[in-house]
Protein backbone atom coordinates (compact mmCIF):
# COMPACT_ATOMS: atom_id res chain seq x y z
CA MET A 1 96.87 80.99 117.69
CA ALA A 2 97.09 83.99 114.76
CA GLY A 3 93.65 84.66 112.83
CA HIS A 4 94.63 83.94 109.41
CA SER A 5 93.35 80.89 107.98
CA LYS A 6 90.10 79.72 107.74
CA PHE A 7 91.66 76.09 106.98
CA LYS A 8 93.40 76.83 110.42
CA ASN A 9 90.15 78.42 112.03
CA ILE A 10 87.38 76.23 110.58
CA MET A 11 88.93 72.26 110.67
CA HIS A 12 91.34 72.72 113.95
CA ARG A 13 88.40 73.67 115.59
CA LYS A 14 86.41 70.79 114.10
CA GLY A 15 88.01 69.05 112.44
CA ALA A 16 87.18 67.43 108.62
CA GLN A 17 83.32 66.89 109.24
CA ASP A 18 82.11 65.87 105.66
CA LYS A 19 79.21 68.89 105.87
CA LYS A 20 82.82 71.08 105.97
CA ARG A 21 85.29 68.99 104.06
CA ALA A 22 82.60 69.39 100.65
CA ALA A 23 81.62 73.34 101.34
CA MET A 24 85.22 73.10 101.54
CA PHE A 25 86.11 71.14 98.00
CA SER A 26 83.34 73.91 96.48
CA LYS A 27 85.17 76.46 97.39
CA LEU A 28 88.61 75.18 96.52
CA SER A 29 86.88 74.03 92.51
CA ARG A 30 85.41 78.24 92.10
CA GLU A 31 89.23 79.14 93.21
CA ILE A 32 90.53 76.99 90.34
CA THR A 33 87.47 77.87 88.15
CA VAL A 34 87.76 81.62 87.76
CA ALA A 35 91.66 80.98 88.42
CA ALA A 36 91.40 78.52 85.03
CA LYS A 37 89.03 81.38 83.54
CA MET A 38 91.56 84.25 83.59
CA GLY A 39 94.43 82.56 82.10
CA LEU A 40 95.70 79.42 80.50
CA PRO A 41 93.89 75.84 81.67
CA ASP A 42 97.51 74.91 82.27
CA PRO A 43 98.90 75.14 86.33
CA ASP A 44 102.44 75.18 84.73
CA MET A 45 101.94 78.58 82.81
CA ASN A 46 99.70 80.18 85.14
CA PRO A 47 100.32 81.25 88.52
CA ARG A 48 97.35 81.31 89.93
CA LEU A 49 96.02 77.99 88.87
CA ARG A 50 98.82 76.55 90.13
CA LEU A 51 98.33 77.87 94.24
CA ALA A 52 94.82 76.50 93.74
CA VAL A 53 95.27 73.95 92.11
CA ASN A 54 98.32 72.85 95.61
CA ALA A 55 96.02 74.82 97.35
CA ALA A 56 93.85 71.41 96.44
CA LYS A 57 95.67 68.61 96.50
CA ALA A 58 96.77 69.71 100.48
CA GLN A 59 93.51 69.76 101.04
CA SER A 60 92.92 66.09 99.72
CA MET A 61 90.69 66.45 97.06
CA PRO A 62 90.65 64.06 94.29
CA LYS A 63 91.97 64.77 90.72
CA ASP A 64 89.02 64.81 88.95
CA ASN A 65 87.39 66.98 90.87
CA ILE A 66 90.00 69.27 90.50
CA GLN A 67 90.41 68.28 86.25
CA ARG A 68 86.32 68.87 86.52
CA ALA A 69 87.11 72.64 88.02
CA ILE A 70 89.39 73.37 85.56
CA ASP A 71 87.41 72.21 82.45
CA LYS A 72 84.23 74.24 83.84
CA ALA A 73 86.26 77.22 83.31
CA SER A 74 85.72 76.89 79.29
CA GLN A 75 82.39 75.57 79.14
CA ALA A 76 79.73 77.56 77.87
CA GLY A 77 76.78 79.17 79.83
CA GLY A 78 78.90 79.13 83.08
CA GLU A 79 78.70 80.55 86.17
CA ASP A 80 81.07 83.99 85.86
CA TYR A 81 82.54 84.88 89.25
CA VAL A 82 83.76 88.20 89.88
CA GLU A 83 86.28 88.55 93.20
CA VAL A 84 84.80 90.66 96.47
CA ARG A 85 86.45 91.80 98.95
CA TYR A 86 84.52 92.68 101.91
CA GLU A 87 86.10 95.28 105.23
CA GLY A 88 84.65 95.67 108.92
CA TYR A 89 85.24 94.56 112.68
CA GLY A 90 83.98 92.30 114.95
CA PRO A 91 83.77 92.42 118.26
CA GLY A 92 87.32 93.81 120.36
CA GLY A 93 87.60 95.81 117.75
CA VAL A 94 89.40 93.28 116.01
CA ALA A 95 89.41 93.90 112.08
CA LEU A 96 88.30 91.72 109.59
CA ILE A 97 88.92 91.55 105.83
CA VAL A 98 86.33 88.93 103.56
CA GLU A 99 87.03 87.28 100.24
CA ALA A 100 84.75 86.71 98.48
CA LEU A 101 83.31 84.21 94.59
CA THR A 102 79.92 85.64 93.43
CA ASP A 103 78.16 85.19 90.70
CA ASN A 104 75.06 87.68 93.10
CA ARG A 105 77.13 90.89 94.32
CA ASN A 106 73.87 91.45 96.15
CA ARG A 107 72.88 88.31 97.52
CA THR A 108 76.92 88.65 99.15
CA ALA A 109 76.82 91.91 100.48
CA THR A 110 73.83 90.89 102.32
CA ASN A 111 74.57 87.82 103.48
CA VAL A 112 77.42 89.18 104.69
CA ARG A 113 76.52 92.71 106.18
CA THR A 114 74.07 90.66 108.13
CA ALA A 115 77.06 87.70 109.39
CA PHE A 116 78.72 91.09 110.77
CA SER A 117 75.47 92.69 113.02
CA LYS A 118 73.76 89.58 114.46
CA ASN A 119 77.07 88.73 115.99
CA GLY A 120 78.70 91.19 117.29
CA GLY A 121 80.71 93.41 114.38
CA ASN A 122 80.45 95.67 111.96
CA LEU A 123 80.49 95.99 108.03
CA GLY A 124 82.85 98.83 107.01
CA SER A 125 83.70 100.29 103.51
CA GLU A 126 86.38 98.90 101.51
CA GLY A 127 89.90 100.09 103.08
CA SER A 128 88.14 100.99 106.28
CA VAL A 129 91.14 98.25 107.85
CA SER A 130 93.31 96.85 104.99
CA HIS A 131 95.11 99.41 106.04
CA GLY A 132 96.19 97.42 108.33
CA PHE A 133 97.13 94.33 106.34
CA GLU A 134 99.77 93.49 103.74
CA ARG A 135 99.41 91.71 101.17
CA ARG A 136 101.80 89.03 101.56
CA GLY A 137 102.88 85.33 100.30
CA LEU A 138 101.69 82.20 102.43
CA ILE A 139 102.69 79.00 102.89
CA GLU A 140 102.39 76.71 105.13
CA TYR A 141 104.37 72.95 106.32
CA LYS A 142 103.44 70.38 109.09
CA PRO A 143 105.60 69.58 111.82
CA GLU A 144 106.82 66.62 109.98
CA VAL A 145 108.58 67.67 107.14
CA GLY A 146 111.49 68.78 109.50
CA ASP A 147 112.64 71.20 112.25
CA GLU A 148 113.01 74.80 112.88
CA GLU A 149 116.90 75.19 111.26
CA LYS A 150 115.72 72.92 108.66
CA VAL A 151 112.68 74.92 107.07
CA LEU A 152 114.38 78.11 107.88
CA GLU A 153 117.74 76.78 106.01
CA ALA A 154 114.98 76.31 103.03
CA ALA A 155 113.36 79.17 102.89
CA ILE A 156 116.03 81.55 103.09
CA GLU A 157 117.39 79.99 100.13
CA ALA A 158 114.10 80.04 98.26
CA GLY A 159 113.94 83.88 98.73
CA ALA A 160 111.01 84.18 101.98
CA ASP A 161 110.89 86.89 104.03
CA ASP A 162 110.52 85.66 107.16
CA VAL A 163 109.33 82.12 108.64
CA GLU A 164 107.30 81.49 112.37
CA SER A 165 108.25 77.60 113.57
CA SER A 166 106.12 75.90 116.94
CA GLU A 167 104.29 73.12 116.98
CA ASP A 168 101.79 73.19 115.14
CA GLY A 169 104.60 73.49 112.19
CA HIS A 170 105.72 76.11 109.53
CA THR A 171 104.22 79.40 108.18
CA ILE A 172 106.92 80.63 105.75
CA TRP A 173 105.72 84.96 104.72
CA THR A 174 106.75 85.78 100.28
CA ALA A 175 106.25 89.00 98.69
CA ALA A 176 103.06 88.26 97.01
CA GLU A 177 104.34 88.44 93.48
CA ALA A 178 107.59 85.89 95.22
CA LEU A 179 105.24 83.11 96.46
CA HIS A 180 104.83 81.40 92.83
CA GLY A 181 108.76 81.11 92.56
CA VAL A 182 109.49 80.39 96.94
CA ALA A 183 106.85 77.82 96.51
CA ASN A 184 108.69 75.46 93.80
CA ALA A 185 111.26 76.75 95.33
CA LEU A 186 110.85 75.16 98.57
CA GLU A 187 108.33 72.17 97.26
CA LYS A 188 111.69 70.58 95.67
CA VAL A 189 113.19 70.16 98.99
CA LEU A 190 110.43 70.11 101.67
CA GLY A 191 107.80 68.60 99.30
CA PRO A 192 104.23 69.78 98.50
CA ALA A 193 102.99 72.56 100.95
CA ASP A 194 99.62 72.51 103.11
CA ASN A 195 98.37 75.61 101.87
CA VAL A 196 99.79 77.83 99.72
CA LYS A 197 98.45 81.71 99.05
CA LEU A 198 97.86 85.16 98.95
CA ALA A 199 97.44 86.12 102.26
CA TRP A 200 96.49 89.22 104.17
CA LYS A 201 99.15 90.22 107.56
CA PRO A 202 98.28 92.63 110.26
CA THR A 203 100.44 94.64 110.73
CA LEU A 204 99.37 95.04 114.43
CA SER A 205 97.25 92.45 116.58
CA VAL A 206 94.53 91.84 119.05
CA THR A 207 94.65 89.23 121.84
CA VAL A 208 90.66 88.51 122.52
CA ASN A 209 89.46 87.41 125.59
CA GLU A 210 87.78 84.09 126.33
CA GLU A 211 84.12 86.60 125.67
CA THR A 212 85.24 88.36 122.64
CA ALA A 213 86.84 84.70 120.93
CA THR A 214 83.58 82.49 121.23
CA THR A 215 81.52 86.09 119.83
CA LEU A 216 83.93 86.29 117.26
CA MET A 217 84.58 82.39 115.92
CA LYS A 218 80.50 82.52 115.40
CA LEU A 219 80.63 85.71 113.45
CA ILE A 220 83.94 83.98 111.41
CA ASP A 221 81.94 80.59 111.01
CA ALA A 222 78.80 82.55 109.70
CA LEU A 223 80.56 84.06 107.08
CA GLU A 224 82.52 81.15 106.00
CA ASP A 225 79.36 78.84 106.26
CA ASP A 226 77.99 81.05 103.38
CA ASP A 227 79.26 79.40 100.28
CA ASP A 228 80.19 82.45 98.25
CA VAL A 229 82.93 83.73 101.17
CA GLN A 230 86.39 81.87 99.73
CA THR A 231 88.46 83.63 102.99
CA VAL A 232 88.19 85.28 106.37
CA TRP A 233 91.33 87.18 107.99
CA GLY A 234 92.26 88.90 111.18
CA ASN A 235 93.92 90.13 113.32
CA TYR A 236 93.54 88.40 115.76
CA GLU A 237 95.31 86.55 118.29
CA ILE A 238 93.75 83.99 120.24
CA PRO A 239 95.86 82.69 123.67
CA ASP A 240 96.04 78.52 123.88
CA GLU A 241 94.60 78.94 126.97
CA VAL A 242 91.76 80.54 125.58
CA MET A 243 91.58 77.73 122.93
CA GLU A 244 91.80 74.98 125.21
CA LYS A 245 88.28 76.47 126.74
CA LEU A 246 86.47 76.93 123.33
CA GLY A 247 87.11 73.68 121.96
């Protein structure tokens, strides 16, 4: 299993537990509010907001919650979040990029640094690992939308760059600036996607053994349990047999 998506990593391993679901909704709401504040509060006129709303819908977030998050952007005295990126190394030399939305940089930096140091990692400076990643658009679909040939044909027609299909579903990669257009085109053919977002795609991956994967998952869990952390991206590959042992 490739190391990229927060939802895939956490929800796949633990299931949709109530606590995780509430935390996920909180993170999705924060992204919606920030996106609405940075542009128009209309998803049709604000590409980032549309992506945020689509991601929320894909996780079955209620419409009322989505609208409240949009409305919050125009309210006076609300939280003022800033985007922060942290980079570092986990166990086994795995490169990690942590994206956060925070209203307190010092708190978030301390929490992220602590998570790395307590779980076999080291927090680096900005740019220390991102040179090994590409900024790309990521669209994910469940396997039920169609077979590999159908999805590949739709992706090519929509202007995507690459498609990876497996029994777990379909992952479609685009240029970062083309994500909004490709996602819209695919939605007309395949329906709403499970996940649509900007991603950090590693240029080279590191395959980890069971011992390293166990520690790595603890680090990722610690990072993702922080309210300020939105997404954790990594360049790791965990073999299927190791994933089965990890549960």
